[in-house]
Amino acid sequence: MYWSNEEYYGFGAGAHSYVKEVRRSNHGPLKKYMDPLEKGHLDYLEEHTTTVEERMEEEMFLGLRKVEGISVKRFNEKFNQNPFILYKGPLQELFEKGWVTHDEQYIKLTREGRF
């Protein structure tokens, strides 16, 4: 779920979760996590509501870490934005360097781009 920029739950000491556009991290190590639980509540170490800009950027960099790359259709459906237009400058630079390639459906790293 993480690599696809989808929601996921994290349970336990030091775990992370991403639900309804909010990222949370639990306390760790175990004692710092358990102390609040023993008192009947769960305190998060950190909580951050992501902006739409952050979610779009995450969709891009996480998608590039996958072999199939970024789905242009999925990006457009999630954000009502075309990544070719939104990130025209940075993508053009990566295309020119030969680090990224694309077709109508996916934007992905080339072999050279992976290195």
PDB file of N, CA and C in Angstrom:
ATOM      1  N   MET A   1       0.818  -1.190   0.000  1.00  0.00           N
ATOM      2  CA  MET A   1       0.000   0.000   0.000  1.00  0.00           C
ATOM      3  C   MET A   1       0.864   1.257   0.000  1.00  0.00           C
ATOM      4  N   TYR A   2       1.975   1.192   0.741  1.00  0.00           N
ATOM      5  CA  TYR A   2       2.851   2.362   0.841  1.00  0.00           C
ATOM      6  C   TYR A   2       3.342   2.791  -0.535  1.00  0.00           C
ATOM      7  N   TRP A   3       3.869   1.838  -1.306  1.00  0.00           N
ATOM      8  CA  TRP A   3       4.469   2.170  -2.602  1.00  0.00           C
ATOM      9  C   TRP A   3       3.432   2.656  -3.606  1.00  0.00           C
ATOM     10  N   SER A   4       2.172   2.318  -3.380  1.00  0.00           N
ATOM     11  CA  SER A   4       1.103   2.778  -4.272  1.00  0.00           C
ATOM     12  C   SER A   4       0.431   4.037  -3.746  1.00  0.00           C
ATOM     13  N   ASN A   5       0.977   4.616  -2.675  1.00  0.00           N
ATOM     14  CA  ASN A   5       0.445   5.843  -2.081  1.00  0.00           C
ATOM     15  C   ASN A   5      -1.017   5.681  -1.677  1.00  0.00           C
ATOM     16  N   GLU A   6      -1.323   4.515  -1.118  1.00  0.00           N
ATOM     17  CA  GLU A   6      -2.664   4.214  -0.630  1.00  0.00           C
ATOM     18  C   GLU A   6      -2.651   4.234   0.897  1.00  0.00           C
ATOM     19  N   GLU A   7      -3.825   4.215   1.489  1.00  0.00           N
ATOM     20  CA  GLU A   7      -3.932   4.224   2.941  1.00  0.00           C
ATOM     21  C   GLU A   7      -3.402   2.914   3.532  1.00  0.00           C
ATOM     22  N   TYR A   8      -2.798   3.027   4.714  1.00  0.00           N
ATOM     23  CA  TYR A   8      -2.334   1.843   5.435  1.00  0.00           C
ATOM     24  C   TYR A   8      -2.329   2.149   6.924  1.00  0.00           C
ATOM     25  N   TYR A   9      -2.462   1.099   7.710  1.00  0.00           N
ATOM     26  CA  TYR A   9      -2.476   1.214   9.163  1.00  0.00           C
ATOM     27  C   TYR A   9      -1.167   0.690   9.723  1.00  0.00           C
ATOM     28  N   GLY A  10      -0.671   1.360  10.743  1.00  0.00           N
ATOM     29  CA  GLY A  10       0.518   0.898  11.443  1.00  0.00           C
ATOM     30  C   GLY A  10       0.179   0.670  12.904  1.00  0.00           C
ATOM     31  N   PHE A  11       0.525  -0.505  13.402  1.00  0.00           N
ATOM     32  CA  PHE A  11       0.221  -0.863  14.786  1.00  0.00           C
ATOM     33  C   PHE A  11       1.514  -1.156  15.524  1.00  0.00           C
ATOM     34  N   GLY A  12       1.618  -0.640  16.741  1.00  0.00           N
ATOM     35  CA  GLY A  12       2.750  -0.966  17.590  1.00  0.00           C
ATOM     36  C   GLY A  12       3.741   0.169  17.716  1.00  0.00           C
ATOM     37  N   ALA A  13       4.764  -0.104  18.502  1.00  0.00           N
ATOM     38  CA  ALA A  13       5.796   0.892  18.796  1.00  0.00           C
ATOM     39  C   ALA A  13       6.546   1.288  17.525  1.00  0.00           C
ATOM     40  N   GLY A  14       6.628   2.592  17.293  1.00  0.00           N
ATOM     41  CA  GLY A  14       7.377   3.109  16.152  1.00  0.00           C
ATOM     42  C   GLY A  14       6.688   2.946  14.808  1.00  0.00           C
ATOM     43  N   ALA A  15       5.471   2.425  14.783  1.00  0.00           N
ATOM     44  CA  ALA A  15       4.759   2.182  13.525  1.00  0.00           C
ATOM     45  C   ALA A  15       4.236   3.491  12.930  1.00  0.00           C
ATOM     46  N   HIS A  16       4.033   3.466  11.623  1.00  0.00           N
ATOM     47  CA  HIS A  16       3.497   4.616  10.888  1.00  0.00           C
ATOM     48  C   HIS A  16       2.209   4.213  10.192  1.00  0.00           C
ATOM     49  N   SER A  17       1.316   5.190  10.004  1.00  0.00           N
ATOM     50  CA  SER A  17       0.079   4.952   9.274  1.00  0.00           C
ATOM     51  C   SER A  17      -0.238   6.166   8.409  1.00  0.00           C
ATOM     52  N   TYR A  18      -1.117   5.936   7.445  1.00  0.00           N
ATOM     53  CA  TYR A  18      -1.543   6.984   6.519  1.00  0.00           C
ATOM     54  C   TYR A  18      -3.009   6.719   6.205  1.00  0.00           C
ATOM     55  N   VAL A  19      -3.907   7.471   6.859  1.00  0.00           N
ATOM     56  CA  VAL A  19      -5.338   7.246   6.718  1.00  0.00           C
ATOM     57  C   VAL A  19      -6.046   8.592   6.576  1.00  0.00           C
ATOM     58  N   LYS A  20      -6.915   8.695   5.584  1.00  0.00           N
ATOM     59  CA  LYS A  20      -7.699   9.910   5.324  1.00  0.00           C
ATOM     60  C   LYS A  20      -6.807  11.147   5.272  1.00  0.00           C
ATOM     61  N   GLU A  21      -5.728  11.010   4.502  1.00  0.00           N
ATOM     62  CA  GLU A  21      -4.793  12.112   4.220  1.00  0.00           C
ATOM     63  C   GLU A  21      -3.983  12.556   5.435  1.00  0.00           C
ATOM     64  N   VAL A  22      -4.001  11.758   6.513  1.00  0.00           N
ATOM     65  CA  VAL A  22      -3.239  12.084   7.719  1.00  0.00           C
ATOM     66  C   VAL A  22      -2.170  11.015   7.938  1.00  0.00           C
ATOM     67  N   ARG A  23      -0.927  11.463   8.096  1.00  0.00           N
ATOM     68  CA  ARG A  23       0.183  10.571   8.426  1.00  0.00           C
ATOM     69  C   ARG A  23       0.404  10.642   9.927  1.00  0.00           C
ATOM     70  N   ARG A  24       0.570   9.484  10.546  1.00  0.00           N
ATOM     71  CA  ARG A  24       0.827   9.413  11.982  1.00  0.00           C
ATOM     72  C   ARG A  24       1.991   8.475  12.241  1.00  0.00           C
ATOM     73  N   SER A  25       2.737   8.793  13.291  1.00  0.00           N
ATOM     74  CA  SER A  25       3.772   7.872  13.749  1.00  0.00           C
ATOM     75  C   SER A  25       3.584   7.655  15.243  1.00  0.00           C
ATOM     76  N   ASN A  26       3.733   6.411  15.640  1.00  0.00           N
ATOM     77  CA  ASN A  26       3.578   6.042  17.043  1.00  0.00           C
ATOM     78  C   ASN A  26       4.893   6.224  17.783  1.00  0.00           C
ATOM     79  N   HIS A  27       4.769   6.390  19.091  1.00  0.00           N
ATOM     80  CA  HIS A  27       5.950   6.460  19.938  1.00  0.00           C
ATOM     81  C   HIS A  27       6.705   5.134  19.892  1.00  0.00           C
ATOM     82  N   GLY A  28       7.949   5.201  20.119  1.00  0.00           N
ATOM     83  CA  GLY A  28       8.806   4.040  20.271  1.00  0.00           C
ATOM     84  C   GLY A  28       9.971   4.500  21.126  1.00  0.00           C
ATOM     85  N   PRO A  29      10.645   3.651  21.767  1.00  0.00           N
ATOM     86  CA  PRO A  29      10.495   2.205  21.799  1.00  0.00           C
ATOM     87  C   PRO A  29       9.257   1.776  22.578  1.00  0.00           C
ATOM     88  N   LEU A  30       9.183   0.492  22.839  1.00  0.00           N
ATOM     89  CA  LEU A  30       7.974  -0.119  23.382  1.00  0.00           C
ATOM     90  C   LEU A  30       7.459   0.561  24.653  1.00  0.00           C
ATOM     91  N   LYS A  31       8.317   0.893  25.580  1.00  0.00           N
ATOM     92  CA  LYS A  31       7.867   1.500  26.837  1.00  0.00           C
ATOM     93  C   LYS A  31       7.146   2.826  26.587  1.00  0.00           C
ATOM     94  N   LYS A  32       7.677   3.672  25.728  1.00  0.00           N
ATOM     95  CA  LYS A  32       7.036   4.961  25.433  1.00  0.00           C
ATOM     96  C   LYS A  32       5.699   4.760  24.732  1.00  0.00           C
ATOM     97  N   TYR A  33       5.569   3.678  24.015  1.00  0.00           N
ATOM     98  CA  TYR A  33       4.311   3.366  23.350  1.00  0.00           C
ATOM     99  C   TYR A  33       3.294   2.814  24.345  1.00  0.00           C
ATOM    100  N   MET A  34       3.740   1.966  25.246  1.00  0.00           N
ATOM    101  CA  MET A  34       2.836   1.279  26.175  1.00  0.00           C
ATOM    102  C   MET A  34       2.340   2.157  27.315  1.00  0.00           C
ATOM    103  N   ASP A  35       3.150   3.089  27.805  1.00  0.00           N
ATOM    104  CA  ASP A  35       2.741   3.922  28.944  1.00  0.00           C
ATOM    105  C   ASP A  35       1.396   4.611  28.726  1.00  0.00           C
ATOM    106  N   PRO A  36       1.178   5.333  27.615  1.00  0.00           N
ATOM    107  CA  PRO A  36      -0.139   5.958  27.409  1.00  0.00           C
ATOM    108  C   PRO A  36      -1.259   4.923  27.254  1.00  0.00           C
ATOM    109  N   LEU A  37      -0.956   3.783  26.613  1.00  0.00           N
ATOM    110  CA  LEU A  37      -1.980   2.751  26.441  1.00  0.00           C
ATOM    111  C   LEU A  37      -2.476   2.226  27.780  1.00  0.00           C
ATOM    112  N   GLU A  38      -1.561   2.089  28.716  1.00  0.00           N
ATOM    113  CA  GLU A  38      -1.948   1.605  30.042  1.00  0.00           C
ATOM    114  C   GLU A  38      -2.857   2.593  30.763  1.00  0.00           C
ATOM    115  N   LYS A  39      -2.825   3.862  30.318  1.00  0.00           N
ATOM    116  CA  LYS A  39      -3.701   4.887  30.898  1.00  0.00           C
ATOM    117  C   LYS A  39      -4.972   5.069  30.069  1.00  0.00           C
ATOM    118  N   GLY A  40      -5.131   4.233  29.054  1.00  0.00           N
ATOM    119  CA  GLY A  40      -6.363   4.246  28.276  1.00  0.00           C
ATOM    120  C   GLY A  40      -6.393   5.150  27.064  1.00  0.00           C
ATOM    121  N   HIS A  41      -5.251   5.659  26.611  1.00  0.00           N
ATOM    122  CA  HIS A  41      -5.268   6.473  25.395  1.00  0.00           C
ATOM    123  C   HIS A  41      -3.994   6.257  24.587  1.00  0.00           C
ATOM    124  N   LEU A  42      -4.104   6.598  23.324  1.00  0.00           N
ATOM    125  CA  LEU A  42      -2.981   6.449  22.407  1.00  0.00           C
ATOM    126  C   LEU A  42      -2.524   7.835  21.964  1.00  0.00           C
ATOM    127  N   ASP A  43      -1.337   8.186  22.348  1.00  0.00           N
ATOM    128  CA  ASP A  43      -0.750   9.445  21.906  1.00  0.00           C
ATOM    129  C   ASP A  43       0.152   9.155  20.721  1.00  0.00           C
ATOM    130  N   TYR A  44       0.042   9.970  19.700  1.00  0.00           N
ATOM    131  CA  TYR A  44       0.926   9.826  18.555  1.00  0.00           C
ATOM    132  C   TYR A  44       2.168  10.670  18.778  1.00  0.00           C
ATOM    133  N   LEU A  45       3.273  10.172  18.313  1.00  0.00           N
ATOM    134  CA  LEU A  45       4.506  10.936  18.363  1.00  0.00           C
ATOM    135  C   LEU A  45       4.392  12.139  17.429  1.00  0.00           C
ATOM    136  N   GLU A  46       3.814  11.880  16.266  1.00  0.00           N
ATOM    137  CA  GLU A  46       3.684  12.933  15.257  1.00  0.00           C
ATOM    138  C   GLU A  46       2.424  12.687  14.439  1.00  0.00           C
ATOM    139  N   GLU A  47       1.783  13.773  14.028  1.00  0.00           N
ATOM    140  CA  GLU A  47       0.590  13.692  13.191  1.00  0.00           C
ATOM    141  C   GLU A  47       0.653  14.839  12.196  1.00  0.00           C
ATOM    142  N   HIS A  48       0.424  14.521  10.914  1.00  0.00           N
ATOM    143  CA  HIS A  48       0.531  15.532   9.869  1.00  0.00           C
ATOM    144  C   HIS A  48      -0.555  15.310   8.824  1.00  0.00           C
ATOM    145  N   THR A  49      -1.383  16.325   8.600  1.00  0.00           N
ATOM    146  CA  THR A  49      -2.368  16.278   7.526  1.00  0.00           C
ATOM    147  C   THR A  49      -1.684  16.744   6.251  1.00  0.00           C
ATOM    148  N   THR A  50      -1.683  15.882   5.255  1.00  0.00           N
ATOM    149  CA  THR A  50      -0.978  16.187   4.009  1.00  0.00           C
ATOM    150  C   THR A  50      -1.783  17.163   3.153  1.00  0.00           C
ATOM    151  N   THR A  51      -1.072  17.999   2.429  1.00  0.00           N
ATOM    152  CA  THR A  51      -1.701  18.905   1.468  1.00  0.00           C
ATOM    153  C   THR A  51      -1.860  18.169   0.143  1.00  0.00           C
ATOM    154  N   VAL A  52      -2.690  18.697  -0.716  1.00  0.00           N
ATOM    155  CA  VAL A  52      -2.853  18.083  -2.034  1.00  0.00           C
ATOM    156  C   VAL A  52      -1.529  18.109  -2.803  1.00  0.00           C
ATOM    157  N   GLU A  53      -0.746  19.163  -2.629  1.00  0.00           N
ATOM    158  CA  GLU A  53       0.549  19.238  -3.294  1.00  0.00           C
ATOM    159  C   GLU A  53       1.474  18.120  -2.817  1.00  0.00           C
ATOM    160  N   GLU A  54       1.488  17.870  -1.516  1.00  0.00           N
ATOM    161  CA  GLU A  54       2.309  16.781  -0.973  1.00  0.00           C
ATOM    162  C   GLU A  54       1.848  15.436  -1.509  1.00  0.00           C
ATOM    163  N   ARG A  55       0.530  15.227  -1.575  1.00  0.00           N
ATOM    164  CA  ARG A  55       0.015  13.944  -2.059  1.00  0.00           C
ATOM    165  C   ARG A  55       0.370  13.731  -3.528  1.00  0.00           C
ATOM    166  N   MET A  56       0.328  14.794  -4.333  1.00  0.00           N
ATOM    167  CA  MET A  56       0.695  14.662  -5.741  1.00  0.00           C
ATOM    168  C   MET A  56       2.188  14.371  -5.889  1.00  0.00           C
ATOM    169  N   GLU A  57       3.017  15.070  -5.124  1.00  0.00           N
ATOM    170  CA  GLU A  57       4.456  14.816  -5.180  1.00  0.00           C
ATOM    171  C   GLU A  57       4.778  13.395  -4.739  1.00  0.00           C
ATOM    172  N   GLU A  58       4.102  12.925  -3.690  1.00  0.00           N
ATOM    173  CA  GLU A  58       4.315  11.563  -3.212  1.00  0.00           C
ATOM    174  C   GLU A  58       3.899  10.550  -4.270  1.00  0.00           C
ATOM    175  N   GLU A  59       2.800  10.815  -4.954  1.00  0.00           N
ATOM    176  CA  GLU A  59       2.350   9.931  -6.031  1.00  0.00           C
ATOM    177  C   GLU A  59       3.431   9.827  -7.105  1.00  0.00           C
ATOM    178  N   MET A  60       4.084  10.937  -7.386  1.00  0.00           N
ATOM    179  CA  MET A  60       5.142  10.942  -8.400  1.00  0.00           C
ATOM    180  C   MET A  60       6.376  10.185  -7.921  1.00  0.00           C
ATOM    181  N   PHE A  61       6.932  10.535  -6.770  1.00  0.00           N
ATOM    182  CA  PHE A  61       8.192   9.900  -6.393  1.00  0.00           C
ATOM    183  C   PHE A  61       8.007   8.447  -5.979  1.00  0.00           C
ATOM    184  N   LEU A  62       6.857   8.107  -5.397  1.00  0.00           N
ATOM    185  CA  LEU A  62       6.618   6.700  -5.082  1.00  0.00           C
ATOM    186  C   LEU A  62       6.375   5.895  -6.353  1.00  0.00           C
ATOM    187  N   GLY A  63       5.649   6.479  -7.293  1.00  0.00           N
ATOM    188  CA  GLY A  63       5.405   5.798  -8.570  1.00  0.00           C
ATOM    189  C   GLY A  63       6.682   5.525  -9.332  1.00  0.00           C
ATOM    190  N   LEU A  64       7.624   6.440  -9.289  1.00  0.00           N
ATOM    191  CA  LEU A  64       8.893   6.243  -9.987  1.00  0.00           C
ATOM    192  C   LEU A  64       9.730   5.137  -9.353  1.00  0.00           C
ATOM    193  N   ARG A  65       9.436   4.772  -8.120  1.00  0.00           N
ATOM    194  CA  ARG A  65      10.169   3.685  -7.462  1.00  0.00           C
ATOM    195  C   ARG A  65       9.652   2.311  -7.876  1.00  0.00           C
ATOM    196  N   LYS A  66       8.534   2.279  -8.574  1.00  0.00           N
ATOM    197  CA  LYS A  66       7.967   1.013  -9.021  1.00  0.00           C
ATOM    198  C   LYS A  66       8.352   0.759 -10.474  1.00  0.00           C
ATOM    199  N   VAL A  67       8.509  -0.507 -10.833  1.00  0.00           N
ATOM    200  CA  VAL A  67       8.919  -0.875 -12.189  1.00  0.00           C
ATOM    201  C   VAL A  67       7.944  -0.333 -13.221  1.00  0.00           C
ATOM    202  N   GLU A  68       6.636  -0.462 -12.963  1.00  0.00           N
ATOM    203  CA  GLU A  68       5.662   0.006 -13.956  1.00  0.00           C
ATOM    204  C   GLU A  68       5.575   1.526 -14.017  1.00  0.00           C
ATOM    205  N   GLY A  69       6.030   2.213 -12.987  1.00  0.00           N
ATOM    206  CA  GLY A  69       6.048   3.666 -12.986  1.00  0.00           C
ATOM    207  C   GLY A  69       4.756   4.298 -12.498  1.00  0.00           C
ATOM    208  N   ILE A  70       4.553   5.535 -12.895  1.00  0.00           N
ATOM    209  CA  ILE A  70       3.394   6.333 -12.491  1.00  0.00           C
ATOM    210  C   ILE A  70       2.291   6.131 -13.519  1.00  0.00           C
ATOM    211  N   SER A  71       1.129   5.733 -13.063  1.00  0.00           N
ATOM    212  CA  SER A  71      -0.017   5.614 -13.954  1.00  0.00           C
ATOM    213  C   SER A  71      -0.591   7.010 -14.203  1.00  0.00           C
ATOM    214  N   VAL A  72      -0.536   7.447 -15.446  1.00  0.00           N
ATOM    215  CA  VAL A  72      -1.056   8.770 -15.800  1.00  0.00           C
ATOM    216  C   VAL A  72      -2.567   8.811 -15.537  1.00  0.00           C
ATOM    217  N   LYS A  73      -3.260   7.729 -15.876  1.00  0.00           N
ATOM    218  CA  LYS A  73      -4.712   7.658 -15.670  1.00  0.00           C
ATOM    219  C   LYS A  73      -5.049   7.754 -14.182  1.00  0.00           C
ATOM    220  N   ARG A  74      -4.348   6.986 -13.365  1.00  0.00           N
ATOM    221  CA  ARG A  74      -4.621   6.984 -11.916  1.00  0.00           C
ATOM    222  C   ARG A  74      -4.335   8.366 -11.317  1.00  0.00           C
ATOM    223  N   PHE A  75      -3.232   8.990 -11.718  1.00  0.00           N
ATOM    224  CA  PHE A  75      -2.887  10.321 -11.226  1.00  0.00           C
ATOM    225  C   PHE A  75      -4.016  11.294 -11.569  1.00  0.00           C
ATOM    226  N   ASN A  76      -4.468  11.244 -12.800  1.00  0.00           N
ATOM    227  CA  ASN A  76      -5.539  12.139 -13.250  1.00  0.00           C
ATOM    228  C   ASN A  76      -6.832  11.883 -12.481  1.00  0.00           C
ATOM    229  N   GLU A  77      -7.156  10.620 -12.223  1.00  0.00           N
ATOM    230  CA  GLU A  77      -8.374  10.289 -11.482  1.00  0.00           C
ATOM    231  C   GLU A  77      -8.289  10.756 -10.029  1.00  0.00           C
ATOM    232  N   LYS A  78      -7.126  10.595  -9.404  1.00  0.00           N
ATOM    233  CA  LYS A  78      -6.977  10.971  -7.995  1.00  0.00           C
ATOM    234  C   LYS A  78      -6.960  12.473  -7.778  1.00  0.00           C
ATOM    235  N   PHE A  79      -6.304  13.203  -8.699  1.00  0.00           N
ATOM    236  CA  PHE A  79      -6.052  14.622  -8.457  1.00  0.00           C
ATOM    237  C   PHE A  79      -6.681  15.551  -9.485  1.00  0.00           C
ATOM    238  N   ASN A  80      -7.329  14.990 -10.487  1.00  0.00           N
ATOM    239  CA  ASN A  80      -7.909  15.791 -11.559  1.00  0.00           C
ATOM    240  C   ASN A  80      -6.855  16.712 -12.181  1.00  0.00           C
ATOM    241  N   GLN A  81      -5.667  16.169 -12.328  1.00  0.00           N
ATOM    242  CA  GLN A  81      -4.530  16.903 -12.898  1.00  0.00           C
ATOM    243  C   GLN A  81      -3.786  15.985 -13.860  1.00  0.00           C
ATOM    244  N   ASN A  82      -3.212  16.546 -14.880  1.00  0.00           N
ATOM    245  CA  ASN A  82      -2.368  15.796 -15.806  1.00  0.00           C
ATOM    246  C   ASN A  82      -0.921  15.987 -15.365  1.00  0.00           C
ATOM    247  N   PRO A  83      -0.214  14.905 -14.990  1.00  0.00           N
ATOM    248  CA  PRO A  83       1.157  15.080 -14.514  1.00  0.00           C
ATOM    249  C   PRO A  83       2.097  15.647 -15.571  1.00  0.00           C
ATOM    250  N   PHE A  84       1.804  15.404 -16.857  1.00  0.00           N
ATOM    251  CA  PHE A  84       2.640  15.952 -17.923  1.00  0.00           C
ATOM    252  C   PHE A  84       2.575  17.479 -17.947  1.00  0.00           C
ATOM    253  N   ILE A  85       1.428  18.028 -17.579  1.00  0.00           N
ATOM    254  CA  ILE A  85       1.261  19.489 -17.534  1.00  0.00           C
ATOM    255  C   ILE A  85       1.753  20.031 -16.193  1.00  0.00           C
ATOM    256  N   LEU A  86       1.329  19.400 -15.103  1.00  0.00           N
ATOM    257  CA  LEU A  86       1.659  19.869 -13.758  1.00  0.00           C
ATOM    258  C   LEU A  86       3.171  19.892 -13.511  1.00  0.00           C
ATOM    259  N   TYR A  87       3.862  18.865 -13.980  1.00  0.00           N
ATOM    260  CA  TYR A  87       5.312  18.747 -13.748  1.00  0.00           C
ATOM    261  C   TYR A  87       6.094  18.836 -15.054  1.00  0.00           C
ATOM    262  N   LYS A  88       5.619  19.671 -15.953  1.00  0.00           N
ATOM    263  CA  LYS A  88       6.199  19.786 -17.292  1.00  0.00           C
ATOM    264  C   LYS A  88       7.703  20.057 -17.246  1.00  0.00           C
ATOM    265  N   GLY A  89       8.125  21.063 -16.491  1.00  0.00           N
ATOM    266  CA  GLY A  89       9.539  21.435 -16.428  1.00  0.00           C
ATOM    267  C   GLY A  89      10.429  20.327 -15.892  1.00  0.00           C
ATOM    268  N   PRO A  90      10.157  19.826 -14.691  1.00  0.00           N
ATOM    269  CA  PRO A  90      10.994  18.752 -14.144  1.00  0.00           C
ATOM    270  C   PRO A  90      10.980  17.495 -15.010  1.00  0.00           C
ATOM    271  N   LEU A  91       9.809  17.116 -15.548  1.00  0.00           N
ATOM    272  CA  LEU A  91       9.750  15.925 -16.391  1.00  0.00           C
ATOM    273  C   LEU A  91      10.548  16.117 -17.670  1.00  0.00           C
ATOM    274  N   GLN A  92      10.443  17.289 -18.267  1.00  0.00           N
ATOM    275  CA  GLN A  92      11.182  17.557 -19.505  1.00  0.00           C
ATOM    276  C   GLN A  92      12.679  17.401 -19.270  1.00  0.00           C
ATOM    277  N   GLU A  93      13.162  17.912 -18.159  1.00  0.00           N
ATOM    278  CA  GLU A  93      14.579  17.788 -17.817  1.00  0.00           C
ATOM    279  C   GLU A  93      14.979  16.315 -17.679  1.00  0.00           C
ATOM    280  N   LEU A  94      14.139  15.529 -17.021  1.00  0.00           N
ATOM    281  CA  LEU A  94      14.432  14.106 -16.844  1.00  0.00           C
ATOM    282  C   LEU A  94      14.359  13.346 -18.163  1.00  0.00           C
ATOM    283  N   PHE A  95      13.418  13.707 -19.043  1.00  0.00           N
ATOM    284  CA  PHE A  95      13.336  13.086 -20.365  1.00  0.00           C
ATOM    285  C   PHE A  95      14.605  13.382 -21.161  1.00  0.00           C
ATOM    286  N   GLU A  96      15.044  14.644 -21.138  1.00  0.00           N
ATOM    287  CA  GLU A  96      16.233  15.053 -21.891  1.00  0.00           C
ATOM    288  C   GLU A  96      17.492  14.351 -21.398  1.00  0.00           C
ATOM    289  N   LYS A  97      17.578  14.095 -20.105  1.00  0.00           N
ATOM    290  CA  LYS A  97      18.741  13.386 -19.546  1.00  0.00           C
ATOM    291  C   LYS A  97      18.680  11.887 -19.825  1.00  0.00           C
ATOM    292  N   GLY A  98      17.525  11.415 -20.271  1.00  0.00           N
ATOM    293  CA  GLY A  98      17.362   9.993 -20.534  1.00  0.00           C
ATOM    294  C   GLY A  98      17.096   9.176 -19.287  1.00  0.00           C
ATOM    295  N   TRP A  99      16.681   9.819 -18.215  1.00  0.00           N
ATOM    296  CA  TRP A  99      16.438   9.130 -16.953  1.00  0.00           C
ATOM    297  C   TRP A  99      15.000   8.649 -16.809  1.00  0.00           C
ATOM    298  N   VAL A 100      14.105   9.253 -17.578  1.00  0.00           N
ATOM    299  CA  VAL A 100      12.687   8.917 -17.507  1.00  0.00           C
ATOM    300  C   VAL A 100      12.161   8.761 -18.927  1.00  0.00           C
ATOM    301  N   THR A 101      11.235   7.831 -19.085  1.00  0.00           N
ATOM    302  CA  THR A 101      10.558   7.637 -20.360  1.00  0.00           C
ATOM    303  C   THR A 101       9.060   7.616 -20.104  1.00  0.00           C
ATOM    304  N   HIS A 102       8.277   7.639 -21.171  1.00  0.00           N
ATOM    305  CA  HIS A 102       6.822   7.620 -20.985  1.00  0.00           C
ATOM    306  C   HIS A 102       6.131   7.109 -22.239  1.00  0.00           C
ATOM    307  N   ASP A 103       4.913   6.683 -22.026  1.00  0.00           N
ATOM    308  CA  ASP A 103       3.990   6.421 -23.115  1.00  0.00           C
ATOM    309  C   ASP A 103       2.668   7.052 -22.690  1.00  0.00           C
ATOM    310  N   GLU A 104       1.594   6.701 -23.330  1.00  0.00           N
ATOM    311  CA  GLU A 104       0.303   7.317 -22.978  1.00  0.00           C
ATOM    312  C   GLU A 104      -0.176   6.921 -21.585  1.00  0.00           C
ATOM    313  N   GLN A 105       0.301   5.765 -21.071  1.00  0.00           N
ATOM    314  CA  GLN A 105      -0.236   5.255 -19.817  1.00  0.00           C
ATOM    315  C   GLN A 105       0.673   5.436 -18.612  1.00  0.00           C
ATOM    316  N   TYR A 106       1.997   5.417 -18.806  1.00  0.00           N
ATOM    317  CA  TYR A 106       2.924   5.423 -17.677  1.00  0.00           C
ATOM    318  C   TYR A 106       4.114   6.346 -17.897  1.00  0.00           C
ATOM    319  N   ILE A 107       4.587   6.880 -16.798  1.00  0.00           N
ATOM    320  CA  ILE A 107       5.860   7.607 -16.737  1.00  0.00           C
ATOM    321  C   ILE A 107       6.748   6.743 -15.861  1.00  0.00           C
ATOM    322  N   LYS A 108       7.928   6.370 -16.363  1.00  0.00           N
ATOM    323  CA  LYS A 108       8.773   5.484 -15.567  1.00  0.00           C
ATOM    324  C   LYS A 108      10.254   5.757 -15.808  1.00  0.00           C
ATOM    325  N   LEU A 109      11.037   5.303 -14.843  1.00  0.00           N
ATOM    326  CA  LEU A 109      12.480   5.450 -14.939  1.00  0.00           C
ATOM    327  C   LEU A 109      13.042   4.535 -16.020  1.00  0.00           C
ATOM    328  N   THR A 110      14.060   5.020 -16.711  1.00  0.00           N
ATOM    329  CA  THR A 110      14.807   4.170 -17.630  1.00  0.00           C
ATOM    330  C   THR A 110      15.821   3.380 -16.811  1.00  0.00           C
ATOM    331  N   ARG A 111      16.509   2.480 -17.449  1.00  0.00           N
ATOM    332  CA  ARG A 111      17.562   1.714 -16.743  1.00  0.00           C
ATOM    333  C   ARG A 111      18.595   2.692 -16.179  1.00  0.00           C
ATOM    334  N   GLU A 112      18.999   3.651 -16.986  1.00  0.00           N
ATOM    335  CA  GLU A 112      19.969   4.643 -16.527  1.00  0.00           C
ATOM    336  C   GLU A 112      19.398   5.482 -15.381  1.00  0.00           C
ATOM    337  N   GLY A 113      18.121   5.814 -15.471  1.00  0.00           N
ATOM    338  CA  GLY A 113      17.472   6.600 -14.425  1.00  0.00           C
ATOM    339  C   GLY A 113      17.420   5.892 -13.080  1.00  0.00           C
ATOM    340  N   ARG A 114      17.349   4.571 -13.114  1.00  0.00           N
ATOM    341  CA  ARG A 114      17.315   3.802 -11.862  1.00  0.00           C
ATOM    342  C   ARG A 114      18.623   3.932 -11.102  1.00  0.00           C
ATOM    343  N   PHE A 115      19.700   4.074 -11.842  1.00  0.00           N
ATOM    344  CA  PHE A 115      21.008   4.225 -11.196  1.00  0.00           C
ATOM    345  C   PHE A 115      21.262   5.666 -10.812  1.00  0.00           C
TER     346      PHE A 115
END
